[in-house]
């Protein structure tokens, strides 16, 4: 499973590297996306639901992540 951590300071929305990683993920490949921005995290979950992809949510303090297989 590949992990993308968007918790670093970015000059743009953390959704950009998250969606980029999603697009680069091949069918059957696992991906974990870690965020610390609640609004972007909710948008990411909404995107995955719209794509029909089930996911697992993990909360660790201010860090949130989703794990899924594309």
PDB file of N, CA and C in Angstrom:
ATOM      1  N   UNK A   1       0.855  -1.173   0.000  1.00  0.00           N
ATOM      2  CA  UNK A   1       0.000   0.000   0.000  1.00  0.00           C
ATOM      3  C   UNK A   1       0.898   1.233   0.000  1.00  0.00           C
ATOM      4  N   UNK A   2       0.620   2.139  -0.910  1.00  0.00           N
ATOM      5  CA  UNK A   2       1.365   3.384  -1.005  1.00  0.00           C
ATOM      6  C   UNK A   2       0.711   4.425  -0.091  1.00  0.00           C
ATOM      7  N   UNK A   3       1.528   5.256   0.561  1.00  0.00           N
ATOM      8  CA  UNK A   3       1.033   6.297   1.456  1.00  0.00           C
ATOM      9  C   UNK A   3       1.409   7.667   0.924  1.00  0.00           C
ATOM     10  N   UNK A   4       0.441   8.586   0.926  1.00  0.00           N
ATOM     11  CA  UNK A   4       0.664   9.980   0.545  1.00  0.00           C
ATOM     12  C   UNK A   4       0.305  10.829   1.757  1.00  0.00           C
ATOM     13  N   UNK A   5       1.287  11.546   2.291  1.00  0.00           N
ATOM     14  CA  UNK A   5       1.092  12.389   3.468  1.00  0.00           C
ATOM     15  C   UNK A   5       0.987  13.841   3.020  1.00  0.00           C
ATOM     16  N   UNK A   6      -0.187  14.438   3.195  1.00  0.00           N
ATOM     17  CA  UNK A   6      -0.398  15.828   2.785  1.00  0.00           C
ATOM     18  C   UNK A   6      -0.341  16.769   3.984  1.00  0.00           C
ATOM     19  N   UNK A   7       0.199  16.312   5.105  1.00  0.00           N
ATOM     20  CA  UNK A   7       0.247  17.136   6.318  1.00  0.00           C
ATOM     21  C   UNK A   7       1.359  18.178   6.291  1.00  0.00           C
ATOM     22  N   UNK A   8       2.255  18.084   5.344  1.00  0.00           N
ATOM     23  CA  UNK A   8       3.308  19.090   5.231  1.00  0.00           C
ATOM     24  C   UNK A   8       2.686  20.408   4.771  1.00  0.00           C
ATOM     25  N   UNK A   9       3.354  21.494   5.024  1.00  0.00           N
ATOM     26  CA  UNK A   9       2.843  22.800   4.605  1.00  0.00           C
ATOM     27  C   UNK A   9       2.922  22.905   3.087  1.00  0.00           C
ATOM     28  N   UNK A  10       1.767  23.122   2.484  1.00  0.00           N
ATOM     29  CA  UNK A  10       1.682  23.232   1.033  1.00  0.00           C
ATOM     30  C   UNK A  10       1.173  24.616   0.657  1.00  0.00           C
ATOM     31  N   UNK A  11       1.639  25.170  -0.448  1.00  0.00           N
ATOM     32  CA  UNK A  11       1.128  26.471  -0.879  1.00  0.00           C
ATOM     33  C   UNK A  11      -0.230  26.359  -1.573  1.00  0.00           C
ATOM     34  N   UNK A  12      -0.805  25.150  -1.593  1.00  0.00           N
ATOM     35  CA  UNK A  12      -2.080  24.911  -2.255  1.00  0.00           C
ATOM     36  C   UNK A  12      -2.856  23.869  -1.459  1.00  0.00           C
ATOM     37  N   UNK A  13      -4.044  23.563  -1.888  1.00  0.00           N
ATOM     38  CA  UNK A  13      -4.916  22.617  -1.187  1.00  0.00           C
ATOM     39  C   UNK A  13      -4.296  21.226  -1.118  1.00  0.00           C
ATOM     40  N   UNK A  14      -4.446  20.540   0.021  1.00  0.00           N
ATOM     41  CA  UNK A  14      -3.955  19.167   0.126  1.00  0.00           C
ATOM     42  C   UNK A  14      -4.727  18.200  -0.769  1.00  0.00           C
ATOM     43  N   UNK A  15      -5.836  18.656  -1.330  1.00  0.00           N
ATOM     44  CA  UNK A  15      -6.584  17.798  -2.251  1.00  0.00           C
ATOM     45  C   UNK A  15      -5.814  17.559  -3.548  1.00  0.00           C
ATOM     46  N   UNK A  16      -4.962  18.482  -3.927  1.00  0.00           N
ATOM     47  CA  UNK A  16      -4.236  18.338  -5.188  1.00  0.00           C
ATOM     48  C   UNK A  16      -3.334  17.107  -5.178  1.00  0.00           C
ATOM     49  N   UNK A  17      -2.438  16.939  -4.189  1.00  0.00           N
ATOM     50  CA  UNK A  17      -1.638  15.707  -4.196  1.00  0.00           C
ATOM     51  C   UNK A  17      -2.473  14.455  -3.924  1.00  0.00           C
ATOM     52  N   UNK A  18      -3.576  14.604  -3.180  1.00  0.00           N
ATOM     53  CA  UNK A  18      -4.440  13.449  -2.904  1.00  0.00           C
ATOM     54  C   UNK A  18      -5.104  12.943  -4.181  1.00  0.00           C
ATOM     55  N   UNK A  19      -5.676  13.848  -4.956  1.00  0.00           N
ATOM     56  CA  UNK A  19      -6.345  13.447  -6.196  1.00  0.00           C
ATOM     57  C   UNK A  19      -5.316  12.974  -7.219  1.00  0.00           C
ATOM     58  N   UNK A  20      -4.160  13.608  -7.235  1.00  0.00           N
ATOM     59  CA  UNK A  20      -3.100  13.169  -8.155  1.00  0.00           C
ATOM     60  C   UNK A  20      -2.698  11.724  -7.847  1.00  0.00           C
ATOM     61  N   UNK A  21      -2.523  11.414  -6.572  1.00  0.00           N
ATOM     62  CA  UNK A  21      -2.175  10.047  -6.177  1.00  0.00           C
ATOM     63  C   UNK A  21      -3.284   9.077  -6.568  1.00  0.00           C
ATOM     64  N   UNK A  22      -4.536   9.491  -6.386  1.00  0.00           N
ATOM     65  CA  UNK A  22      -5.667   8.655  -6.776  1.00  0.00           C
ATOM     66  C   UNK A  22      -5.612   8.352  -8.270  1.00  0.00           C
ATOM     67  N   UNK A  23      -5.356   9.378  -9.075  1.00  0.00           N
ATOM     68  CA  UNK A  23      -5.325   9.196 -10.527  1.00  0.00           C
ATOM     69  C   UNK A  23      -4.162   8.304 -10.967  1.00  0.00           C
ATOM     70  N   UNK A  24      -3.053   8.344 -10.239  1.00  0.00           N
ATOM     71  CA  UNK A  24      -1.877   7.532 -10.583  1.00  0.00           C
ATOM     72  C   UNK A  24      -1.984   6.097 -10.083  1.00  0.00           C
ATOM     73  N   UNK A  25      -2.934   5.837  -9.202  1.00  0.00           N
ATOM     74  CA  UNK A  25      -3.108   4.500  -8.631  1.00  0.00           C
ATOM     75  C   UNK A  25      -3.778   3.585  -9.646  1.00  0.00           C
ATOM     76  N   UNK A  26      -3.212   2.419  -9.810  1.00  0.00           N
ATOM     77  CA  UNK A  26      -3.770   1.433 -10.748  1.00  0.00           C
ATOM     78  C   UNK A  26      -4.890   0.636 -10.082  1.00  0.00           C
ATOM     79  N   UNK A  27      -5.809   0.110 -10.871  1.00  0.00           N
ATOM     80  CA  UNK A  27      -6.851  -0.753 -10.306  1.00  0.00           C
ATOM     81  C   UNK A  27      -6.222  -1.919  -9.529  1.00  0.00           C
ATOM     82  N   UNK A  28      -6.733  -2.159  -8.339  1.00  0.00           N
ATOM     83  CA  UNK A  28      -6.225  -3.226  -7.483  1.00  0.00           C
ATOM     84  C   UNK A  28      -5.113  -2.783  -6.545  1.00  0.00           C
ATOM     85  N   UNK A  29      -4.593  -1.585  -6.749  1.00  0.00           N
ATOM     86  CA  UNK A  29      -3.513  -1.062  -5.900  1.00  0.00           C
ATOM     87  C   UNK A  29      -4.109  -0.364  -4.676  1.00  0.00           C
ATOM     88  N   UNK A  30      -3.447  -0.502  -3.526  1.00  0.00           N
ATOM     89  CA  UNK A  30      -3.893   0.131  -2.292  1.00  0.00           C
ATOM     90  C   UNK A  30      -3.259   1.495  -2.116  1.00  0.00           C
ATOM     91  N   UNK A  31      -4.001   2.408  -1.501  1.00  0.00           N
ATOM     92  CA  UNK A  31      -3.517   3.759  -1.279  1.00  0.00           C
ATOM     93  C   UNK A  31      -4.018   4.258   0.072  1.00  0.00           C
ATOM     94  N   UNK A  32      -3.127   4.921   0.800  1.00  0.00           N
ATOM     95  CA  UNK A  32      -3.494   5.595   2.045  1.00  0.00           C
ATOM     96  C   UNK A  32      -3.165   7.073   1.860  1.00  0.00           C
ATOM     97  N   UNK A  33      -4.131   7.933   2.175  1.00  0.00           N
ATOM     98  CA  UNK A  33      -3.932   9.373   2.088  1.00  0.00           C
ATOM     99  C   UNK A  33      -4.115   9.949   3.484  1.00  0.00           C
ATOM    100  N   UNK A  34      -3.075  10.626   3.962  1.00  0.00           N
ATOM    101  CA  UNK A  34      -3.063  11.199   5.303  1.00  0.00           C
ATOM    102  C   UNK A  34      -3.229  12.709   5.186  1.00  0.00           C
ATOM    103  N   UNK A  35      -4.114  13.266   6.017  1.00  0.00           N
ATOM    104  CA  UNK A  35      -4.384  14.711   5.997  1.00  0.00           C
ATOM    105  C   UNK A  35      -4.500  15.243   7.421  1.00  0.00           C
ATOM    106  N   UNK A  36      -4.357  16.555   7.549  1.00  0.00           N
ATOM    107  CA  UNK A  36      -4.643  17.221   8.820  1.00  0.00           C
ATOM    108  C   UNK A  36      -5.561  18.425   8.604  1.00  0.00           C
ATOM    109  N   UNK A  37      -6.221  18.457   7.456  1.00  0.00           N
ATOM    110  CA  UNK A  37      -7.155  19.524   7.103  1.00  0.00           C
ATOM    111  C   UNK A  37      -8.558  18.908   7.041  1.00  0.00           C
ATOM    112  N   UNK A  38      -9.409  19.159   8.054  1.00  0.00           N
ATOM    113  CA  UNK A  38     -10.730  18.514   8.099  1.00  0.00           C
ATOM    114  C   UNK A  38     -11.610  18.797   6.889  1.00  0.00           C
ATOM    115  N   UNK A  39     -11.569  20.017   6.368  1.00  0.00           N
ATOM    116  CA  UNK A  39     -12.422  20.349   5.218  1.00  0.00           C
ATOM    117  C   UNK A  39     -11.986  19.559   3.980  1.00  0.00           C
ATOM    118  N   UNK A  40     -10.689  19.523   3.730  1.00  0.00           N
ATOM    119  CA  UNK A  40     -10.176  18.770   2.581  1.00  0.00           C
ATOM    120  C   UNK A  40     -10.436  17.277   2.772  1.00  0.00           C
ATOM    121  N   UNK A  41     -10.324  16.799   4.011  1.00  0.00           N
ATOM    122  CA  UNK A  41     -10.571  15.382   4.296  1.00  0.00           C
ATOM    123  C   UNK A  41     -12.013  15.013   3.959  1.00  0.00           C
ATOM    124  N   UNK A  42     -12.948  15.870   4.357  1.00  0.00           N
ATOM    125  CA  UNK A  42     -14.358  15.606   4.036  1.00  0.00           C
ATOM    126  C   UNK A  42     -14.600  15.649   2.535  1.00  0.00           C
ATOM    127  N   UNK A  43     -13.951  16.578   1.849  1.00  0.00           N
ATOM    128  CA  UNK A  43     -14.081  16.646   0.385  1.00  0.00           C
ATOM    129  C   UNK A  43     -13.520  15.387  -0.272  1.00  0.00           C
ATOM    130  N   UNK A  44     -12.402  14.889   0.242  1.00  0.00           N
ATOM    131  CA  UNK A  44     -11.805  13.664  -0.301  1.00  0.00           C
ATOM    132  C   UNK A  44     -12.742  12.475  -0.109  1.00  0.00           C
ATOM    133  N   UNK A  45     -13.325  12.357   1.083  1.00  0.00           N
ATOM    134  CA  UNK A  45     -14.265  11.252   1.331  1.00  0.00           C
ATOM    135  C   UNK A  45     -15.474  11.348   0.401  1.00  0.00           C
ATOM    136  N   UNK A  46     -15.969  12.554   0.195  1.00  0.00           N
ATOM    137  CA  UNK A  46     -17.103  12.752  -0.717  1.00  0.00           C
ATOM    138  C   UNK A  46     -16.728  12.337  -2.142  1.00  0.00           C
ATOM    139  N   UNK A  47     -15.525  12.689  -2.564  1.00  0.00           N
ATOM    140  CA  UNK A  47     -15.040  12.298  -3.891  1.00  0.00           C
ATOM    141  C   UNK A  47     -14.996  10.773  -4.026  1.00  0.00           C
ATOM    142  N   UNK A  48     -14.463  10.091  -3.009  1.00  0.00           N
ATOM    143  CA  UNK A  48     -14.370   8.631  -3.068  1.00  0.00           C
ATOM    144  C   UNK A  48     -15.749   7.988  -3.121  1.00  0.00           C
ATOM    145  N   UNK A  49     -16.696   8.522  -2.369  1.00  0.00           N
ATOM    146  CA  UNK A  49     -18.069   8.004  -2.404  1.00  0.00           C
ATOM    147  C   UNK A  49     -18.653   8.180  -3.806  1.00  0.00           C
ATOM    148  N   UNK A  50     -18.436   9.357  -4.408  1.00  0.00           N
ATOM    149  CA  UNK A  50     -18.935   9.608  -5.761  1.00  0.00           C
ATOM    150  C   UNK A  50     -18.321   8.655  -6.778  1.00  0.00           C
ATOM    151  N   UNK A  51     -17.086   8.207  -6.524  1.00  0.00           N
ATOM    152  CA  UNK A  51     -16.410   7.268  -7.419  1.00  0.00           C
ATOM    153  C   UNK A  51     -16.809   5.818  -7.134  1.00  0.00           C
ATOM    154  N   UNK A  52     -17.606   5.605  -6.086  1.00  0.00           N
ATOM    155  CA  UNK A  52     -18.042   4.255  -5.728  1.00  0.00           C
ATOM    156  C   UNK A  52     -16.946   3.431  -5.070  1.00  0.00           C
ATOM    157  N   UNK A  53     -16.014   4.104  -4.399  1.00  0.00           N
ATOM    158  CA  UNK A  53     -14.890   3.410  -3.767  1.00  0.00           C
ATOM    159  C   UNK A  53     -15.099   3.393  -2.260  1.00  0.00           C
ATOM    160  N   UNK A  54     -15.125   2.200  -1.697  1.00  0.00           N
ATOM    161  CA  UNK A  54     -15.213   2.059  -0.255  1.00  0.00           C
ATOM    162  C   UNK A  54     -13.867   2.362   0.370  1.00  0.00           C
ATOM    163  N   UNK A  55     -13.864   2.859   1.589  1.00  0.00           N
ATOM    164  CA  UNK A  55     -12.619   3.231   2.239  1.00  0.00           C
ATOM    165  C   UNK A  55     -12.734   3.053   3.741  1.00  0.00           C
ATOM    166  N   UNK A  56     -11.590   3.037   4.374  1.00  0.00           N
ATOM    167  CA  UNK A  56     -11.481   2.939   5.825  1.00  0.00           C
ATOM    168  C   UNK A  56     -10.963   4.281   6.335  1.00  0.00           C
ATOM    169  N   UNK A  57     -11.621   4.838   7.353  1.00  0.00           N
ATOM    170  CA  UNK A  57     -11.196   6.100   7.951  1.00  0.00           C
ATOM    171  C   UNK A  57     -10.414   5.811   9.226  1.00  0.00           C
ATOM    172  N   UNK A  58      -9.313   6.523   9.424  1.00  0.00           N
ATOM    173  CA  UNK A  58      -8.499   6.368  10.627  1.00  0.00           C
ATOM    174  C   UNK A  58      -8.240   7.761  11.188  1.00  0.00           C
ATOM    175  N   UNK A  59      -8.470   7.922  12.488  1.00  0.00           N
ATOM    176  CA  UNK A  59      -8.257   9.203  13.151  1.00  0.00           C
ATOM    177  C   UNK A  59      -7.200   9.027  14.240  1.00  0.00           C
ATOM    178  N   UNK A  60      -6.151   9.852  14.174  1.00  0.00           N
ATOM    179  CA  UNK A  60      -5.084   9.834  15.174  1.00  0.00           C
ATOM    180  C   UNK A  60      -4.772  11.274  15.547  1.00  0.00           C
ATOM    181  N   UNK A  61      -5.424  11.781  16.584  1.00  0.00           N
ATOM    182  CA  UNK A  61      -5.238  13.180  16.966  1.00  0.00           C
ATOM    183  C   UNK A  61      -5.721  14.088  15.853  1.00  0.00           C
ATOM    184  N   UNK A  62      -4.852  14.964  15.379  1.00  0.00           N
ATOM    185  CA  UNK A  62      -5.219  15.888  14.305  1.00  0.00           C
ATOM    186  C   UNK A  62      -5.007  15.284  12.923  1.00  0.00           C
ATOM    187  N   UNK A  63      -4.426  14.097  12.871  1.00  0.00           N
ATOM    188  CA  UNK A  63      -4.171  13.433  11.580  1.00  0.00           C
ATOM    189  C   UNK A  63      -5.326  12.491  11.263  1.00  0.00           C
ATOM    190  N   UNK A  64      -5.776  12.548  10.029  1.00  0.00           N
ATOM    191  CA  UNK A  64      -6.859  11.692   9.551  1.00  0.00           C
ATOM    192  C   UNK A  64      -6.369  11.004   8.286  1.00  0.00           C
ATOM    193  N   UNK A  65      -6.790   9.778   8.077  1.00  0.00           N
ATOM    194  CA  UNK A  65      -6.384   9.113   6.841  1.00  0.00           C
ATOM    195  C   UNK A  65      -7.520   8.233   6.324  1.00  0.00           C
ATOM    196  N   UNK A  66      -7.455   8.011   5.028  1.00  0.00           N
ATOM    197  CA  UNK A  66      -8.340   7.053   4.376  1.00  0.00           C
ATOM    198  C   UNK A  66      -7.456   6.009   3.707  1.00  0.00           C
ATOM    199  N   UNK A  67      -7.898   4.770   3.776  1.00  0.00           N
ATOM    200  CA  UNK A  67      -7.216   3.676   3.102  1.00  0.00           C
ATOM    201  C   UNK A  67      -8.245   3.011   2.203  1.00  0.00           C
ATOM    202  N   UNK A  68      -7.800   2.698   0.995  1.00  0.00           N
ATOM    203  CA  UNK A  68      -8.701   2.052   0.043  1.00  0.00           C
ATOM    204  C   UNK A  68      -7.903   1.331  -1.022  1.00  0.00           C
ATOM    205  N   UNK A  69      -8.594   0.461  -1.717  1.00  0.00           N
ATOM    206  CA  UNK A  69      -8.042  -0.204  -2.891  1.00  0.00           C
ATOM    207  C   UNK A  69      -8.858   0.263  -4.074  1.00  0.00           C
ATOM    208  N   UNK A  70      -8.154   0.738  -5.073  1.00  0.00           N
ATOM    209  CA  UNK A  70      -8.826   1.280  -6.252  1.00  0.00           C
ATOM    210  C   UNK A  70      -9.330   0.157  -7.145  1.00  0.00           C
TER     211      UNK A  70
END
